Protein backbone atom coordinates (compact mmCIF):
# COMPACT_ATOMS: atom_id res chain seq x y z
CA MET A 1 7.14 34.80 -18.90
CA ILE A 2 8.17 36.20 -22.27
CA ASN A 3 5.90 38.78 -23.92
CA TYR A 4 5.76 38.08 -27.69
CA VAL A 5 3.33 40.76 -28.88
CA ASN A 6 1.82 43.80 -27.16
CA PHE A 7 -1.02 46.02 -28.41
CA ASP A 8 -1.15 49.43 -26.70
CA THR A 9 -4.33 51.42 -27.51
CA VAL A 10 -4.36 50.12 -31.10
CA THR A 11 -6.99 51.50 -33.46
CA PHE A 12 -7.64 50.25 -36.99
CA GLY A 13 -10.38 50.60 -39.60
CA PHE A 14 -10.95 50.75 -43.33
CA GLY A 15 -12.34 54.27 -43.62
CA GLY A 16 -15.69 53.64 -41.91
CA GLU A 17 -16.28 52.32 -38.44
CA PHE A 18 -13.25 51.05 -36.59
CA LEU A 19 -12.69 47.30 -36.49
CA LEU A 20 -10.45 47.86 -33.47
CA GLU A 21 -10.66 50.90 -31.22
CA GLU A 22 -8.04 51.53 -28.53
CA VAL A 23 -7.40 47.80 -28.08
CA ASN A 24 -4.95 46.65 -25.40
CA PHE A 25 -3.74 43.07 -25.10
CA ARG A 26 -0.64 40.97 -25.14
CA ILE A 27 0.38 37.51 -26.23
CA ASP A 28 2.76 35.74 -23.89
CA GLU A 29 4.91 32.67 -24.30
CA SER A 30 3.03 29.34 -24.11
CA GLU A 31 -0.43 30.91 -24.50
CA ARG A 32 -2.96 29.33 -26.82
CA ILE A 33 -5.57 31.82 -27.96
CA GLY A 34 -8.66 31.18 -30.06
CA LEU A 35 -10.40 34.04 -31.80
CA ILE A 36 -14.06 33.48 -32.59
CA GLY A 37 -16.36 35.80 -34.51
CA ARG A 38 -18.61 36.17 -37.51
CA ASN A 39 -17.28 36.79 -41.01
CA GLY A 40 -16.20 40.37 -41.58
CA MET A 41 -15.63 41.16 -37.90
CA GLY A 42 -11.85 41.67 -38.29
CA LYS A 43 -10.27 38.36 -37.25
CA THR A 44 -7.97 38.21 -40.29
CA THR A 45 -7.19 41.92 -39.94
CA LEU A 46 -6.14 41.36 -36.33
CA LEU A 47 -3.82 38.52 -37.42
CA LYS A 48 -2.28 40.74 -40.10
CA LEU A 49 -1.70 43.46 -37.50
CA ILE A 50 0.01 40.94 -35.21
CA LEU A 51 2.09 39.70 -38.14
CA GLY A 52 3.05 43.24 -39.16
CA ASP A 53 1.58 43.02 -42.67
CA ILE A 54 -0.56 46.09 -41.95
CA ASN A 55 -0.03 48.98 -39.54
CA PRO A 56 -2.51 50.45 -37.07
CA GLU A 57 -4.01 53.89 -37.52
CA GLY A 58 -3.27 54.63 -33.88
CA GLY A 59 -1.51 53.09 -30.94
CA VAL A 60 1.57 50.91 -30.85
CA ILE A 61 2.18 47.25 -31.63
CA SER A 62 5.44 45.90 -30.25
CA ARG A 63 6.92 42.49 -30.91
CA GLN A 64 9.75 40.63 -29.20
CA LYS A 65 13.01 41.16 -31.07
CA ASP A 66 13.69 38.36 -33.60
CA LEU A 67 10.29 36.78 -32.94
CA ARG A 68 9.70 33.83 -35.29
CA ILE A 69 6.11 34.04 -36.55
CA ALA A 70 4.50 31.61 -38.99
CA TYR A 71 1.16 32.43 -40.62
CA LEU A 72 -1.30 30.08 -42.31
CA PRO A 73 -3.70 32.23 -44.37
CA GLN A 74 -7.35 31.35 -45.05
CA GLU A 75 -6.79 30.92 -48.76
CA VAL A 76 -4.16 28.89 -50.57
CA PRO A 77 -2.05 31.25 -52.72
CA GLY A 78 -2.35 30.37 -56.41
CA THR A 79 1.29 31.17 -57.15
CA ILE A 80 2.90 28.24 -55.33
CA SER A 81 4.32 25.36 -57.34
CA GLY A 82 6.97 22.68 -57.05
CA SER A 83 7.43 19.55 -55.00
CA ILE A 84 6.20 19.37 -51.43
CA ILE A 85 9.78 19.35 -50.13
CA GLU A 86 10.55 22.52 -52.12
CA VAL A 87 7.46 24.29 -50.76
CA VAL A 88 8.11 23.25 -47.15
CA SER A 89 11.78 24.26 -47.46
CA LEU A 90 10.66 27.81 -48.30
CA GLY A 91 9.71 28.10 -44.61
CA LEU A 92 13.45 28.21 -43.81
CA LYS A 93 14.31 30.77 -46.52
CA ASP A 94 14.69 33.90 -44.39
CA MET A 95 15.84 32.24 -41.18
CA THR A 96 19.09 32.86 -39.42
CA PHE A 97 20.65 29.91 -37.64
CA ASP A 98 22.86 29.53 -34.60
CA TRP A 99 24.46 26.50 -36.26
CA PRO A 100 27.99 26.45 -37.70
CA SER A 101 27.88 27.35 -41.41
CA GLU A 102 29.05 23.89 -42.49
CA GLU A 103 26.04 22.33 -40.70
CA ILE A 104 23.28 24.63 -41.98
CA GLU A 105 22.44 22.66 -45.13
CA TRP A 106 22.18 19.21 -43.57
CA ARG A 107 20.42 20.47 -40.41
CA SER A 108 17.92 22.37 -42.56
CA HIS A 109 17.29 19.25 -44.63
CA LEU A 110 16.87 17.21 -41.44
CA GLN A 111 14.34 19.72 -40.07
CA VAL A 112 12.32 19.60 -43.31
CA GLU A 113 12.38 15.79 -43.35
CA LYS A 114 11.23 15.67 -39.71
CA ILE A 115 8.20 17.89 -40.44
CA LEU A 116 7.34 15.97 -43.62
CA SER A 117 7.40 12.72 -41.66
CA ARG A 118 5.31 14.07 -38.78
CA MET A 119 2.71 15.42 -41.19
CA GLN A 120 2.85 12.30 -43.38
CA LEU A 121 3.65 14.19 -46.57
CA ASP A 122 5.28 12.74 -49.69
CA ALA A 123 8.31 14.95 -50.37
CA ASN A 124 8.25 14.42 -54.15
CA GLU A 125 4.55 14.97 -54.80
CA LYS A 126 3.77 18.12 -56.78
CA PHE A 127 2.02 20.87 -54.79
CA GLU A 128 -0.16 21.98 -57.70
CA THR A 129 -1.73 18.50 -58.04
CA LEU A 130 -2.90 18.32 -54.41
CA SER A 131 -6.41 18.84 -53.06
CA THR A 132 -7.05 22.12 -51.25
CA GLY A 133 -6.94 20.29 -47.91
CA MET A 134 -3.55 18.75 -48.67
CA LYS A 135 -2.23 22.10 -49.91
CA ARG A 136 -3.20 23.67 -46.57
CA ARG A 137 -1.46 20.80 -44.80
CA VAL A 138 1.72 21.49 -46.81
CA LEU A 139 1.46 25.22 -46.01
CA LEU A 140 1.09 24.37 -42.33
CA ALA A 141 4.24 22.24 -42.61
CA LYS A 142 5.99 25.20 -44.30
CA GLY A 143 5.11 27.33 -41.27
CA LEU A 144 6.06 24.71 -38.70
CA VAL A 145 9.46 23.93 -40.25
CA SER A 146 10.83 27.23 -38.90
CA ASP A 147 9.91 26.17 -35.35
CA PRO A 148 7.93 29.38 -34.80
CA GLN A 149 7.48 30.93 -31.41
CA LEU A 150 4.11 32.28 -32.55
CA LEU A 151 1.90 30.37 -34.99
CA LEU A 152 -1.02 32.33 -36.47
CA LEU A 153 -3.69 30.12 -38.02
CA ASP A 154 -6.47 31.85 -39.96
CA GLU A 155 -9.41 29.44 -40.24
CA PRO A 156 -7.04 26.53 -39.55
CA THR A 157 -9.49 23.70 -40.07
CA ASN A 158 -10.84 24.91 -43.42
CA HIS A 159 -10.34 22.11 -45.96
CA LEU A 160 -8.37 19.87 -43.57
CA ASP A 161 -9.30 16.22 -43.18
CA ILE A 162 -10.25 14.82 -39.76
CA GLN A 163 -6.81 13.24 -39.23
CA SER A 164 -5.08 16.58 -39.86
CA ILE A 165 -7.46 18.43 -37.54
CA ILE A 166 -6.81 15.93 -34.74
CA TRP A 167 -3.05 16.23 -35.33
CA LEU A 168 -3.30 20.03 -35.24
CA GLU A 169 -5.30 19.99 -32.00
CA ASP A 170 -2.66 17.79 -30.35
């Protein structure tokens, strides 16, 4: 079994009480983990530590080399614009491929088209005109297009319609 992320005595806080104090855990390949807690208890902070957006005050967080992580934040960023296909394609922006260089463009396009089809998204629709639920669906597609090994979903069902929630659960 492959170990994706490992927390070794990780401590983190925002100047007052610690949100996490000497936490030890790991995330292995093929695990599905749900994190439940009240608002303000540190769920988003934990995801940002896993992602590497913030660093712990103590302890060590190690990640598998070249781990592909996709993150769906709670809130839809207000700075995103363009067609759905342009937004979803951004999920491939920083990826490295094992494909021959002459195949990268068409394989990337094929991957984007496959995700758009599975999520029933209109490639040419403008992101900024969508409802919040549809924007989250597009952002989920943007994360999935990179075929992540680890998918971090922060409040994943917020603003999603029933059909999208059922699809996500499957």
